[in-house]
Protein backbone atom coordinates (compact mmCIF):
# COMPACT_ATOMS: atom_id res chain seq x y z
CA UNK A 1 0.00 0.00 0.00
CA UNK A 2 1.44 3.44 -0.91
CA UNK A 3 2.64 5.74 1.85
CA UNK A 4 -0.17 8.00 3.09
CA UNK A 5 -0.19 11.71 2.38
CA UNK A 6 -0.98 12.42 6.05
CA UNK A 7 -0.14 9.99 8.85
CA UNK A 8 -1.22 10.76 12.41
CA UNK A 9 0.18 8.48 15.12
CA UNK A 10 -1.08 8.67 18.72
CA UNK A 11 -1.63 12.42 18.40
CA UNK A 12 -2.46 14.30 21.59
CA UNK A 13 -3.35 17.98 21.90
CA UNK A 14 -3.87 19.42 25.36
CA UNK A 15 -4.88 22.77 26.79
CA UNK A 16 -4.88 24.30 30.25
CA UNK A 17 -1.51 22.91 31.24
CA UNK A 18 -2.51 19.38 30.33
CA UNK A 19 -5.88 19.39 32.08
CA UNK A 20 -7.95 19.45 28.88
CA UNK A 21 -7.44 16.52 26.51
CA UNK A 22 -8.84 18.05 23.33
CA UNK A 23 -7.35 15.31 21.14
CA UNK A 24 -6.47 12.09 22.92
CA UNK A 25 -4.29 9.47 21.20
CA UNK A 26 -5.62 9.68 17.65
CA UNK A 27 -4.10 7.68 14.80
CA UNK A 28 -5.33 8.16 11.24
CA UNK A 29 -3.88 7.80 7.74
CA UNK A 30 -5.13 9.68 4.68
CA UNK A 31 -4.20 8.30 1.28
CA UNK A 32 -3.61 10.14 -1.95
CA UNK A 33 -6.84 11.03 -3.73
CA UNK A 34 -9.00 10.13 -0.74
CA UNK A 35 -11.66 12.11 1.12
CA UNK A 36 -12.02 11.38 4.83
CA UNK A 37 -14.98 12.92 6.67
CA UNK A 38 -14.29 13.63 10.33
CA UNK A 39 -17.69 13.68 12.02
CA UNK A 40 -19.05 14.19 15.53
CA UNK A 41 -20.77 16.66 17.82
CA UNK A 42 -19.39 20.15 18.41
CA UNK A 43 -16.52 20.14 20.88
CA UNK A 44 -15.32 16.60 20.14
CA UNK A 45 -11.90 17.75 18.88
CA UNK A 46 -12.37 17.65 15.10
CA UNK A 47 -11.18 21.18 14.34
CA UNK A 48 -8.35 20.97 16.88
CA UNK A 49 -7.13 17.80 15.19
CA UNK A 50 -6.89 19.32 11.70
CA UNK A 51 -5.33 22.51 13.08
CA UNK A 52 -2.57 20.37 14.57
CA UNK A 53 -1.76 19.01 11.09
CA UNK A 54 -0.55 22.46 9.97
CA UNK A 55 1.09 23.29 13.28
CA UNK A 56 -1.59 25.69 14.52
CA UNK A 57 -1.97 23.56 17.66
CA UNK A 58 1.21 22.08 19.19
CA UNK A 59 1.32 18.36 19.96
CA UNK A 60 1.56 17.17 23.55
CA UNK A 61 2.50 13.71 22.28
CA UNK A 62 2.46 11.61 19.12
CA UNK A 63 3.66 12.44 15.63
CA UNK A 64 2.40 13.76 12.29
CA UNK A 65 4.00 12.98 8.94
CA UNK A 66 3.18 14.81 5.69
CA UNK A 67 4.35 12.96 2.57
CA UNK A 68 6.67 11.01 4.84
CA UNK A 69 8.20 14.16 6.35
CA UNK A 70 7.72 14.65 10.10
CA UNK A 71 6.03 17.80 11.37
CA UNK A 72 8.65 19.37 13.63
CA UNK A 73 7.22 22.83 14.25
CA UNK A 74 10.29 24.69 13.01
CA UNK A 75 9.64 27.72 10.80
CA UNK A 76 11.18 26.06 7.75
CA UNK A 77 9.27 22.84 8.32
CA UNK A 78 5.96 24.65 8.79
CA UNK A 79 6.47 26.67 5.61
CA UNK A 80 7.04 23.44 3.67
CA UNK A 81 4.00 21.76 5.23
CA UNK A 82 1.69 24.74 4.67
CA UNK A 83 2.59 24.83 0.99
CA UNK A 84 1.44 21.22 0.63
CA UNK A 85 -1.42 21.27 3.15
CA UNK A 86 -4.00 24.03 2.80
CA UNK A 87 -6.97 24.85 5.05
CA UNK A 88 -10.41 25.95 3.89
CA UNK A 89 -12.23 27.65 6.74
CA UNK A 90 -15.90 27.54 7.69
CA UNK A 91 -16.60 31.27 7.51
CA UNK A 92 -15.37 32.78 4.22
CA UNK A 93 -16.37 36.28 5.32
CA UNK A 94 -14.13 36.13 8.36
CA UNK A 95 -11.30 34.39 6.51
CA UNK A 96 -11.03 37.06 3.79
CA UNK A 97 -9.52 40.48 4.53
CA UNK A 98 -12.27 42.98 3.65
CA UNK A 99 -9.65 45.54 2.54
CA UNK A 100 -7.99 43.20 0.06
CA UNK A 101 -9.28 42.65 -3.45
CA UNK A 102 -10.00 39.14 -4.66
CA UNK A 103 -6.77 39.31 -6.67
CA UNK A 104 -4.78 40.09 -3.51
CA UNK A 105 -6.56 37.33 -1.54
CA UNK A 106 -5.44 34.68 -4.03
CA UNK A 107 -2.00 36.18 -4.74
CA UNK A 108 -1.01 36.38 -1.08
CA UNK A 109 -0.19 32.69 -0.75
CA UNK A 110 1.70 32.70 -4.03
CA UNK A 111 3.92 35.49 -2.73
CA UNK A 112 4.46 33.97 0.71
CA UNK A 113 5.59 30.68 -0.79
CA UNK A 114 7.44 32.29 -3.72
CA UNK A 115 5.59 30.28 -6.33
CA UNK A 116 7.27 30.56 -9.72
CA UNK A 117 5.28 31.79 -12.69
CA UNK A 118 3.38 34.82 -13.97
CA UNK A 119 1.34 35.91 -10.95
CA UNK A 120 -1.69 37.37 -12.78
CA UNK A 121 -2.03 34.20 -14.87
CA UNK A 122 -1.72 31.97 -11.78
CA UNK A 123 -4.41 33.97 -9.96
CA UNK A 124 -6.75 33.93 -12.95
CA UNK A 125 -6.28 30.19 -13.48
CA UNK A 126 -6.98 29.49 -9.80
CA UNK A 127 -10.19 31.55 -9.84
CA UNK A 128 -11.35 29.88 -13.04
CA UNK A 129 -10.65 26.40 -11.63
CA UNK A 130 -12.81 27.29 -8.61
CA UNK A 131 -15.73 28.19 -10.89
CA UNK A 132 -15.31 31.98 -10.89
CA UNK A 133 -15.43 32.63 -14.64
CA UNK A 134 -14.45 34.78 -16.35
CA UNK A 135 -11.80 35.44 -13.73
CA UNK A 136 -11.29 39.04 -14.90
CA UNK A 137 -14.76 39.86 -13.61
CA UNK A 138 -13.67 39.16 -10.03
CA UNK A 139 -10.05 40.31 -9.81
CA UNK A 140 -10.70 43.90 -8.66
CA UNK A 141 -13.78 43.21 -6.59
CA UNK A 142 -13.85 42.97 -2.79
CA UNK A 143 -15.31 40.25 -0.53
CA UNK A 144 -18.41 42.28 0.40
CA UNK A 145 -19.34 42.44 -3.28
CA UNK A 146 -19.59 38.66 -3.57
CA UNK A 147 -22.15 36.12 -2.40
CA UNK A 148 -21.32 33.59 0.33
CA UNK A 149 -20.79 30.86 -2.23
CA UNK A 150 -18.51 33.05 -4.32
CA UNK A 151 -16.44 33.96 -1.25
CA UNK A 152 -16.03 30.28 -0.44
CA UNK A 153 -14.87 29.69 -4.02
CA UNK A 154 -12.26 32.43 -3.53
CA UNK A 155 -10.91 30.58 -0.47
CA UNK A 156 -10.79 27.36 -2.47
CA UNK A 157 -9.01 29.17 -5.32
CA UNK A 158 -6.44 30.62 -2.91
CA UNK A 159 -5.76 27.14 -1.51
CA UNK A 160 -5.58 25.37 -4.87
CA UNK A 161 -3.31 28.06 -6.37
CA UNK A 162 -0.49 26.49 -4.34
CA UNK A 163 -1.20 23.03 -5.83
CA UNK A 164 -1.42 21.31 -2.43
CA UNK A 165 -1.53 17.56 -1.97
CA UNK A 166 -3.92 17.83 1.01
CA UNK A 167 -6.89 20.08 1.82
CA UNK A 168 -8.23 20.47 5.36
CA UNK A 169 -11.83 21.67 5.12
CA UNK A 170 -13.42 22.86 8.37
CA UNK A 171 -17.22 22.72 7.93
CA UNK A 172 -16.75 23.98 4.35
CA UNK A 173 -20.44 24.44 3.53
CA UNK A 174 -21.97 25.06 6.97
CA UNK A 175 -22.44 28.80 6.40
CA UNK A 176 -23.81 28.45 2.87
CA UNK A 177 -27.36 28.24 1.56
CA UNK A 178 -28.58 24.73 0.89
CA UNK A 179 -29.00 25.58 -2.79
CA UNK A 180 -25.24 25.97 -3.35
CA UNK A 181 -23.81 23.45 -0.89
CA UNK A 182 -23.95 20.72 -3.49
CA UNK A 183 -22.04 22.87 -5.99
CA UNK A 184 -19.21 23.52 -3.52
CA UNK A 185 -19.00 19.85 -2.55
CA UNK A 186 -18.91 18.83 -6.22
CA UNK A 187 -16.14 21.38 -6.83
CA UNK A 188 -14.05 20.00 -3.97
CA UNK A 189 -14.60 16.44 -5.15
CA UNK A 190 -13.50 17.44 -8.66
CA UNK A 191 -10.04 18.35 -7.34
CA UNK A 192 -9.79 14.86 -5.85
CA UNK A 193 -10.74 13.19 -9.10
CA UNK A 194 -8.69 15.36 -11.46
CA UNK A 195 -5.63 16.37 -9.41
CA UNK A 196 -5.34 13.54 -6.88
CA UNK A 197 -5.80 15.92 -3.95
CA UNK A 198 -6.70 14.38 -0.58
CA UNK A 199 -9.23 16.02 1.74
CA UNK A 200 -10.05 15.80 5.42
CA UNK A 201 -13.50 17.35 5.77
CA UNK A 202 -14.64 18.26 9.27
CA UNK A 203 -18.40 18.19 9.66
CA UNK A 204 -21.28 17.44 11.97
CA UNK A 205 -23.47 16.90 8.90
CA UNK A 206 -23.54 13.23 7.97
CA UNK A 207 -25.20 14.16 4.69
CA UNK A 208 -21.92 15.79 3.64
CA UNK A 209 -20.12 12.51 4.31
CA UNK A 210 -22.59 10.66 2.07
CA UNK A 211 -21.93 13.12 -0.76
CA UNK A 212 -18.17 13.51 -0.73
CA UNK A 213 -16.31 11.05 1.51
CA UNK A 214 -14.58 7.76 0.76
CA UNK A 215 -14.08 7.03 4.46
CA UNK A 216 -15.64 8.30 7.66
CA UNK A 217 -13.96 8.71 11.06
CA UNK A 218 -16.34 9.35 13.97
CA UNK A 219 -14.92 11.35 16.89
CA UNK A 220 -16.18 11.53 20.44
CA UNK A 221 -14.51 13.42 23.28
CA UNK A 222 -11.11 13.63 21.59
CA UNK A 223 -10.98 10.08 20.23
CA UNK A 224 -11.91 8.30 17.03
CA UNK A 225 -14.48 5.69 18.07
CA UNK A 226 -15.32 4.30 14.63
CA UNK A 227 -13.64 4.43 11.24
CA UNK A 228 -14.29 2.74 7.93
CA UNK A 229 -15.53 3.20 4.42
CA UNK A 230 -18.48 5.54 4.04
CA UNK A 231 -20.67 2.66 2.92
CA UNK A 232 -19.79 0.51 5.95
CA UNK A 233 -19.97 3.21 8.63
CA UNK A 234 -23.14 4.92 7.44
CA UNK A 235 -25.06 1.84 6.37
CA UNK A 236 -23.82 -0.59 9.02
CA UNK A 237 -22.68 1.48 12.03
CA UNK A 238 -21.24 -0.59 14.87
CA UNK A 239 -20.66 1.98 17.63
CA UNK A 240 -23.70 3.12 19.66
CA UNK A 241 -22.61 6.75 19.26
CA UNK A 242 -22.51 6.47 15.47
CA UNK A 243 -25.93 4.80 15.47
CA UNK A 244 -27.32 7.62 17.60
CA UNK A 245 -25.92 10.27 15.23
CA UNK A 246 -27.38 8.49 12.22
CA UNK A 247 -30.77 7.86 13.82
CA UNK A 248 -31.71 11.54 13.59
CA UNK A 249 -30.70 11.97 9.93
CA UNK A 250 -33.93 12.16 7.89
CA UNK A 251 -32.36 10.43 4.88
CA UNK A 252 -31.54 7.31 6.91
CA UNK A 253 -34.46 4.88 6.86
CA UNK A 254 -35.15 1.88 9.03
CA UNK A 255 -33.16 3.08 12.04
CA UNK A 256 -34.87 3.63 15.37
CA UNK A 257 -34.31 7.14 16.68
CA UNK A 258 -31.98 7.34 19.67
CA UNK A 259 -31.82 10.56 21.67
CA UNK A 260 -28.59 10.86 23.64
CA UNK A 261 -29.07 12.06 27.21
CA UNK A 262 -26.92 14.78 28.74
CA UNK A 263 -24.15 16.84 27.23
CA UNK A 264 -20.73 15.76 26.02
CA UNK A 265 -18.55 15.55 29.16
CA UNK A 266 -15.96 18.22 29.93
CA UNK A 267 -12.67 17.11 28.27
CA UNK A 268 -10.87 18.09 31.49
CA UNK A 269 -12.87 15.38 33.31
CA UNK A 270 -13.01 12.42 30.94
CA UNK A 271 -15.09 9.57 32.42
CA UNK A 272 -13.33 6.39 33.51
CA UNK A 273 -13.74 3.34 31.32
CA UNK A 274 -15.34 3.89 27.95
CA UNK A 275 -15.69 7.65 27.68
CA UNK A 276 -19.10 7.27 26.04
CA UNK A 277 -20.64 5.05 28.72
CA UNK A 278 -22.45 7.84 30.70
CA UNK A 279 -24.53 8.59 27.57
CA UNK A 280 -24.55 5.16 25.95
CA UNK A 281 -28.02 3.77 25.05
CA UNK A 282 -26.74 0.24 25.81
CA UNK A 283 -25.99 1.27 29.39
CA UNK A 284 -29.21 3.26 29.79
CA UNK A 285 -31.40 0.41 28.54
CA UNK A 286 -29.71 -2.28 30.64
CA UNK A 287 -28.52 -4.11 27.53
CA UNK A 288 -24.86 -3.74 28.53
CA UNK A 289 -25.65 -5.33 31.89
CA UNK A 290 -27.44 -8.21 30.19
CA UNK A 291 -24.43 -8.69 27.90
CA UNK A 292 -22.14 -8.85 30.93
CA UNK A 293 -20.03 -5.86 29.87
CA UNK A 294 -21.36 -3.07 32.12
CA UNK A 295 -18.34 -3.26 34.45
CA UNK A 296 -16.00 -3.18 31.45
CA UNK A 297 -17.79 -0.12 30.09
CA UNK A 298 -17.56 1.71 33.41
CA UNK A 299 -14.01 0.72 34.33
CA UNK A 300 -11.85 -0.24 31.35
CA UNK A 301 -10.76 2.17 28.63
CA UNK A 302 -11.28 1.01 25.06
CA UNK A 303 -9.52 2.07 21.88
CA UNK A 304 -10.03 1.21 18.20
CA UNK A 305 -9.64 -2.45 17.36
CA UNK A 306 -6.02 -3.02 16.33
CA UNK A 307 -7.26 -5.33 13.60
CA UNK A 308 -10.52 -5.72 11.74
CA UNK A 309 -9.89 -4.45 8.22
CA UNK A 310 -11.14 -1.07 7.07
CA UNK A 311 -14.05 -0.92 9.53
CA UNK A 312 -12.85 -0.62 13.13
CA UNK A 313 -14.61 0.44 16.29
CA UNK A 314 -13.83 1.20 19.94
CA UNK A 315 -16.65 -0.45 21.87
CA UNK A 316 -16.73 -3.29 24.42
CA UNK A 317 -20.06 -4.47 23.04
CA UNK A 318 -18.41 -5.11 19.67
CA UNK A 319 -15.03 -6.44 20.82
CA UNK A 320 -16.22 -8.61 23.75
CA UNK A 321 -16.35 -11.72 21.56
CA UNK A 322 -12.76 -11.37 20.35
CA UNK A 323 -10.63 -14.18 21.85
CA UNK A 324 -8.33 -12.58 24.44
CA UNK A 325 -4.62 -12.49 23.72
CA UNK A 326 -2.16 -13.46 26.47
CA UNK A 327 -1.28 -9.81 27.08
CA UNK A 328 -4.78 -8.45 26.53
CA UNK A 329 -4.90 -5.49 28.92
CA UNK A 330 -8.57 -4.86 28.32
CA UNK A 331 -9.54 -7.76 30.55
CA UNK A 332 -10.45 -6.95 34.14
């Protein structure tokens, strides 16, 4: 299997002097030409995780490799990484300088990274590739003169002008009207199909994952609790948290609605055992007790299955039937 574009290994990001575990031991590979949707409730660590990939959040532990090169945090290393890994932010209005023309917004990255070529042609080509045609119509305009969808296309043009190998999209269509969300998603997918770009798309909208992603990684309280192909995770979810998220999506048929009780716990006070157990429907219904795993859920931490193919999950209810290994530390 080819080396991944982005490889995260046991990544930890902490705040408050180590009290807040925003990202807690996350490992994830992203392959060339692949879209991975990172889904979960607000506050689960999705945005913090992708910010760490470009050095905007320092690692407390673990490692990140981009095209095989380790992220070290040095100025030279970060410049190299940020040329190859570009972020597309949720709010295009806030991300664009209102005093800069559209030309300047796209040209800025070219200048910072000293991209060779005729700058006006590079800017025009980037705008055209993002669907802003003819590009000359937009060059001297300012962000307030454009619609929300057009502003988001400018951000995409600015990112793609640097010919990155990886895009990090933080809720890329959340602020847009429903009528143009599909157009933006199709545009992003086109870069995957034509240029081999990889994308990590952060979202709480599982519909976005259906439309754009090849794989889905579900996060809860700083950890990935389920990962697999989009087809497997969204049609045959194995983790109770994933099932609960899917049960309230109108497009999903034949799934009994599950309303999670309570709020996501404070990441500075992560529950013992499985971090989802205080809200888990299996615990609330008594099913975990009947399965004989309630004590495991309350007292023994659980991480993603080390094996299991593309579709892996971190749940005692799923892994309880796996024959224990001699050094299996999950046993009580």
